[in-house]
Amino acid sequence: MSDKLEELEAELARIAQLDLAEQPAAFASLREKLEAQLNSASDEAAEQ
């Protein structure tokens, strides 16, 4: 779990360094990635 948190913190730090014009697309990409991970975890839990 802490690895995922550290990965998220690193990604947020990377996004913070981007130009303001690039940040919305980067946040959208991160959101899609997190939603996919959440859906995957939810599917795995439902299978058990």
PDB file of N, CA and C in Angstrom:
ATOM      1  N   MET A   1       0.822  -1.193   0.000  1.00  0.00           N
ATOM      2  CA  MET A   1       0.000   0.000   0.000  1.00  0.00           C
ATOM      3  C   MET A   1       0.866   1.257   0.000  1.00  0.00           C
ATOM      4  N   SER A   2       1.932   1.247   0.801  1.00  0.00           N
ATOM      5  CA  SER A   2       2.774   2.442   0.848  1.00  0.00           C
ATOM      6  C   SER A   2       3.498   2.657  -0.479  1.00  0.00           C
ATOM      7  N   ASP A   3       3.769   1.571  -1.218  1.00  0.00           N
ATOM      8  CA  ASP A   3       4.379   1.726  -2.537  1.00  0.00           C
ATOM      9  C   ASP A   3       3.444   2.492  -3.467  1.00  0.00           C
ATOM     10  N   LYS A   4       2.162   2.174  -3.408  1.00  0.00           N
ATOM     11  CA  LYS A   4       1.172   2.868  -4.240  1.00  0.00           C
ATOM     12  C   LYS A   4       1.085   4.338  -3.840  1.00  0.00           C
ATOM     13  N   LEU A   5       1.139   4.599  -2.539  1.00  0.00           N
ATOM     14  CA  LEU A   5       1.078   5.974  -2.054  1.00  0.00           C
ATOM     15  C   LEU A   5       2.312   6.756  -2.500  1.00  0.00           C
ATOM     16  N   GLU A   6       3.473   6.138  -2.395  1.00  0.00           N
ATOM     17  CA  GLU A   6       4.704   6.795  -2.834  1.00  0.00           C
ATOM     18  C   GLU A   6       4.669   7.052  -4.337  1.00  0.00           C
ATOM     19  N   GLU A   7       4.133   6.104  -5.092  1.00  0.00           N
ATOM     20  CA  GLU A   7       4.009   6.271  -6.540  1.00  0.00           C
ATOM     21  C   GLU A   7       3.074   7.443  -6.857  1.00  0.00           C
ATOM     22  N   LEU A   8       1.972   7.539  -6.128  1.00  0.00           N
ATOM     23  CA  LEU A   8       1.027   8.637  -6.323  1.00  0.00           C
ATOM     24  C   LEU A   8       1.665   9.975  -5.965  1.00  0.00           C
ATOM     25  N   GLU A   9       2.384  10.019  -4.855  1.00  0.00           N
ATOM     26  CA  GLU A   9       3.067  11.253  -4.451  1.00  0.00           C
ATOM     27  C   GLU A   9       4.080  11.683  -5.505  1.00  0.00           C
ATOM     28  N   ALA A  10       4.817  10.733  -6.055  1.00  0.00           N
ATOM     29  CA  ALA A  10       5.803  11.053  -7.087  1.00  0.00           C
ATOM     30  C   ALA A  10       5.119  11.585  -8.341  1.00  0.00           C
ATOM     31  N   GLU A  11       4.006  10.972  -8.711  1.00  0.00           N
ATOM     32  CA  GLU A  11       3.276  11.425  -9.894  1.00  0.00           C
ATOM     33  C   GLU A  11       2.703  12.822  -9.677  1.00  0.00           C
ATOM     34  N   LEU A  12       2.175  13.092  -8.500  1.00  0.00           N
ATOM     35  CA  LEU A  12       1.660  14.431  -8.204  1.00  0.00           C
ATOM     36  C   LEU A  12       2.781  15.469  -8.206  1.00  0.00           C
ATOM     37  N   ALA A  13       3.942  15.104  -7.696  1.00  0.00           N
ATOM     38  CA  ALA A  13       5.086  16.016  -7.714  1.00  0.00           C
ATOM     39  C   ALA A  13       5.516  16.300  -9.149  1.00  0.00           C
ATOM     40  N   ARG A  14       5.482  15.272  -9.991  1.00  0.00           N
ATOM     41  CA  ARG A  14       5.838  15.454 -11.402  1.00  0.00           C
ATOM     42  C   ARG A  14       4.836  16.397 -12.072  1.00  0.00           C
ATOM     43  N   ILE A  15       3.556  16.187 -11.810  1.00  0.00           N
ATOM     44  CA  ILE A  15       2.524  17.035 -12.410  1.00  0.00           C
ATOM     45  C   ILE A  15       2.685  18.479 -11.941  1.00  0.00           C
ATOM     46  N   ALA A  16       3.043  18.669 -10.682  1.00  0.00           N
ATOM     47  CA  ALA A  16       3.213  20.020 -10.142  1.00  0.00           C
ATOM     48  C   ALA A  16       4.324  20.777 -10.862  1.00  0.00           C
ATOM     49  N   GLN A  17       5.285  20.053 -11.422  1.00  0.00           N
ATOM     50  CA  GLN A  17       6.396  20.692 -12.122  1.00  0.00           C
ATOM     51  C   GLN A  17       6.061  21.056 -13.569  1.00  0.00           C
ATOM     52  N   LEU A  18       4.945  20.563 -14.072  1.00  0.00           N
ATOM     53  CA  LEU A  18       4.555  20.846 -15.450  1.00  0.00           C
ATOM     54  C   LEU A  18       4.044  22.273 -15.586  1.00  0.00           C
ATOM     55  N   ASP A  19       4.031  22.754 -16.817  1.00  0.00           N
ATOM     56  CA  ASP A  19       3.404  24.042 -17.095  1.00  0.00           C
ATOM     57  C   ASP A  19       1.920  23.942 -16.759  1.00  0.00           C
ATOM     58  N   LEU A  20       1.337  25.058 -16.371  1.00  0.00           N
ATOM     59  CA  LEU A  20      -0.086  25.064 -16.016  1.00  0.00           C
ATOM     60  C   LEU A  20      -0.959  24.558 -17.160  1.00  0.00           C
ATOM     61  N   ALA A  21      -0.564  24.821 -18.378  1.00  0.00           N
ATOM     62  CA  ALA A  21      -1.349  24.382 -19.533  1.00  0.00           C
ATOM     63  C   ALA A  21      -1.332  22.859 -19.684  1.00  0.00           C
ATOM     64  N   GLU A  22      -0.280  22.218 -19.203  1.00  0.00           N
ATOM     65  CA  GLU A  22      -0.151  20.763 -19.328  1.00  0.00           C
ATOM     66  C   GLU A  22      -0.790  20.008 -18.168  1.00  0.00           C
ATOM     67  N   GLN A  23      -1.019  20.678 -17.056  1.00  0.00           N
ATOM     68  CA  GLN A  23      -1.508  19.998 -15.858  1.00  0.00           C
ATOM     69  C   GLN A  23      -2.885  19.352 -16.006  1.00  0.00           C
ATOM     70  N   PRO A  24      -3.870  20.011 -16.629  1.00  0.00           N
ATOM     71  CA  PRO A  24      -5.186  19.352 -16.728  1.00  0.00           C
ATOM     72  C   PRO A  24      -5.128  17.999 -17.441  1.00  0.00           C
ATOM     73  N   ALA A  25      -4.381  17.910 -18.515  1.00  0.00           N
ATOM     74  CA  ALA A  25      -4.266  16.639 -19.237  1.00  0.00           C
ATOM     75  C   ALA A  25      -3.542  15.601 -18.390  1.00  0.00           C
ATOM     76  N   ALA A  26      -2.536  16.026 -17.652  1.00  0.00           N
ATOM     77  CA  ALA A  26      -1.796  15.100 -16.793  1.00  0.00           C
ATOM     78  C   ALA A  26      -2.686  14.586 -15.664  1.00  0.00           C
ATOM     79  N   PHE A  27      -3.489  15.474 -15.083  1.00  0.00           N
ATOM     80  CA  PHE A  27      -4.421  15.045 -14.032  1.00  0.00           C
ATOM     81  C   PHE A  27      -5.476  14.099 -14.597  1.00  0.00           C
ATOM     82  N   ALA A  28      -5.950  14.370 -15.797  1.00  0.00           N
ATOM     83  CA  ALA A  28      -6.945  13.492 -16.423  1.00  0.00           C
ATOM     84  C   ALA A  28      -6.358  12.108 -16.658  1.00  0.00           C
ATOM     85  N   SER A  29      -5.123  12.065 -17.108  1.00  0.00           N
ATOM     86  CA  SER A  29      -4.448  10.786 -17.323  1.00  0.00           C
ATOM     87  C   SER A  29      -4.273  10.030 -16.012  1.00  0.00           C
ATOM     88  N   LEU A  30      -3.870  10.743 -14.974  1.00  0.00           N
ATOM     89  CA  LEU A  30      -3.704  10.120 -13.660  1.00  0.00           C
ATOM     90  C   LEU A  30      -5.043   9.602 -13.142  1.00  0.00           C
ATOM     91  N   ARG A  31      -6.087  10.378 -13.336  1.00  0.00           N
ATOM     92  CA  ARG A  31      -7.416   9.945 -12.884  1.00  0.00           C
ATOM     93  C   ARG A  31      -7.832   8.657 -13.593  1.00  0.00           C
ATOM     94  N   GLU A  32      -7.609   8.583 -14.904  1.00  0.00           N
ATOM     95  CA  GLU A  32      -7.952   7.371 -15.652  1.00  0.00           C
ATOM     96  C   GLU A  32      -7.177   6.170 -15.120  1.00  0.00           C
ATOM     97  N   LYS A  33      -5.907   6.374 -14.847  1.00  0.00           N
ATOM     98  CA  LYS A  33      -5.072   5.291 -14.318  1.00  0.00           C
ATOM     99  C   LYS A  33      -5.585   4.820 -12.958  1.00  0.00           C
ATOM    100  N   LEU A  34      -5.905   5.772 -12.078  1.00  0.00           N
ATOM    101  CA  LEU A  34      -6.392   5.418 -10.744  1.00  0.00           C
ATOM    102  C   LEU A  34      -7.758   4.739 -10.809  1.00  0.00           C
ATOM    103  N   GLU A  35      -8.624   5.208 -11.698  1.00  0.00           N
ATOM    104  CA  GLU A  35      -9.934   4.577 -11.846  1.00  0.00           C
ATOM    105  C   GLU A  35      -9.791   3.148 -12.355  1.00  0.00           C
ATOM    106  N   ALA A  36      -8.865   2.921 -13.288  1.00  0.00           N
ATOM    107  CA  ALA A  36      -8.633   1.574 -13.801  1.00  0.00           C
ATOM    108  C   ALA A  36      -8.125   0.660 -12.691  1.00  0.00           C
ATOM    109  N   GLN A  37      -7.225   1.171 -11.855  1.00  0.00           N
ATOM    110  CA  GLN A  37      -6.716   0.370 -10.738  1.00  0.00           C
ATOM    111  C   GLN A  37      -7.827   0.061  -9.742  1.00  0.00           C
ATOM    112  N   LEU A  38      -8.674   1.039  -9.477  1.00  0.00           N
ATOM    113  CA  LEU A  38      -9.779   0.842  -8.547  1.00  0.00           C
ATOM    114  C   LEU A  38     -10.767  -0.185  -9.092  1.00  0.00           C
ATOM    115  N   ASN A  39     -11.082  -0.083 -10.370  1.00  0.00           N
ATOM    116  CA  ASN A  39     -11.996  -1.039 -10.988  1.00  0.00           C
ATOM    117  C   ASN A  39     -11.413  -2.439 -10.971  1.00  0.00           C
ATOM    118  N   SER A  40     -10.126  -2.552 -11.217  1.00  0.00           N
ATOM    119  CA  SER A  40      -9.459  -3.851 -11.190  1.00  0.00           C
ATOM    120  C   SER A  40      -9.516  -4.453  -9.795  1.00  0.00           C
ATOM    121  N   ALA A  41      -9.240  -3.654  -8.794  1.00  0.00           N
ATOM    122  CA  ALA A  41      -9.282  -4.136  -7.412  1.00  0.00           C
ATOM    123  C   ALA A  41     -10.705  -4.527  -7.029  1.00  0.00           C
ATOM    124  N   SER A  42     -11.671  -3.760  -7.493  1.00  0.00           N
ATOM    125  CA  SER A  42     -13.073  -4.058  -7.204  1.00  0.00           C
ATOM    126  C   SER A  42     -13.490  -5.369  -7.863  1.00  0.00           C
ATOM    127  N   ASP A  43     -13.054  -5.578  -9.102  1.00  0.00           N
ATOM    128  CA  ASP A  43     -13.361  -6.824  -9.809  1.00  0.00           C
ATOM    129  C   ASP A  43     -12.741  -8.020  -9.106  1.00  0.00           C
ATOM    130  N   GLU A  44     -11.497  -7.866  -8.653  1.00  0.00           N
ATOM    131  CA  GLU A  44     -10.819  -8.954  -7.948  1.00  0.00           C
ATOM    132  C   GLU A  44     -11.546  -9.289  -6.648  1.00  0.00           C
ATOM    133  N   ALA A  45     -12.003  -8.278  -5.939  1.00  0.00           N
ATOM    134  CA  ALA A  45     -12.715  -8.504  -4.680  1.00  0.00           C
ATOM    135  C   ALA A  45     -14.051  -9.197  -4.936  1.00  0.00           C
ATOM    136  N   ALA A  46     -14.695  -8.856  -6.027  1.00  0.00           N
ATOM    137  CA  ALA A  46     -15.989  -9.457  -6.352  1.00  0.00           C
ATOM    138  C   ALA A  46     -15.841 -10.925  -6.728  1.00  0.00           C
ATOM    139  N   GLU A  47     -14.691 -11.286  -7.297  1.00  0.00           N
ATOM    140  CA  GLU A  47     -14.452 -12.670  -7.704  1.00  0.00           C
ATOM    141  C   GLU A  47     -14.186 -13.582  -6.514  1.00  0.00           C
ATOM    142  N   GLN A  48     -13.782 -13.020  -5.406  1.00  0.00           N
ATOM    143  CA  GLN A  48     -13.424 -13.841  -4.242  1.00  0.00           C
ATOM    144  C   GLN A  48     -14.602 -14.214  -3.414  1.00  0.00           C
TER     145      GLN A  48
END
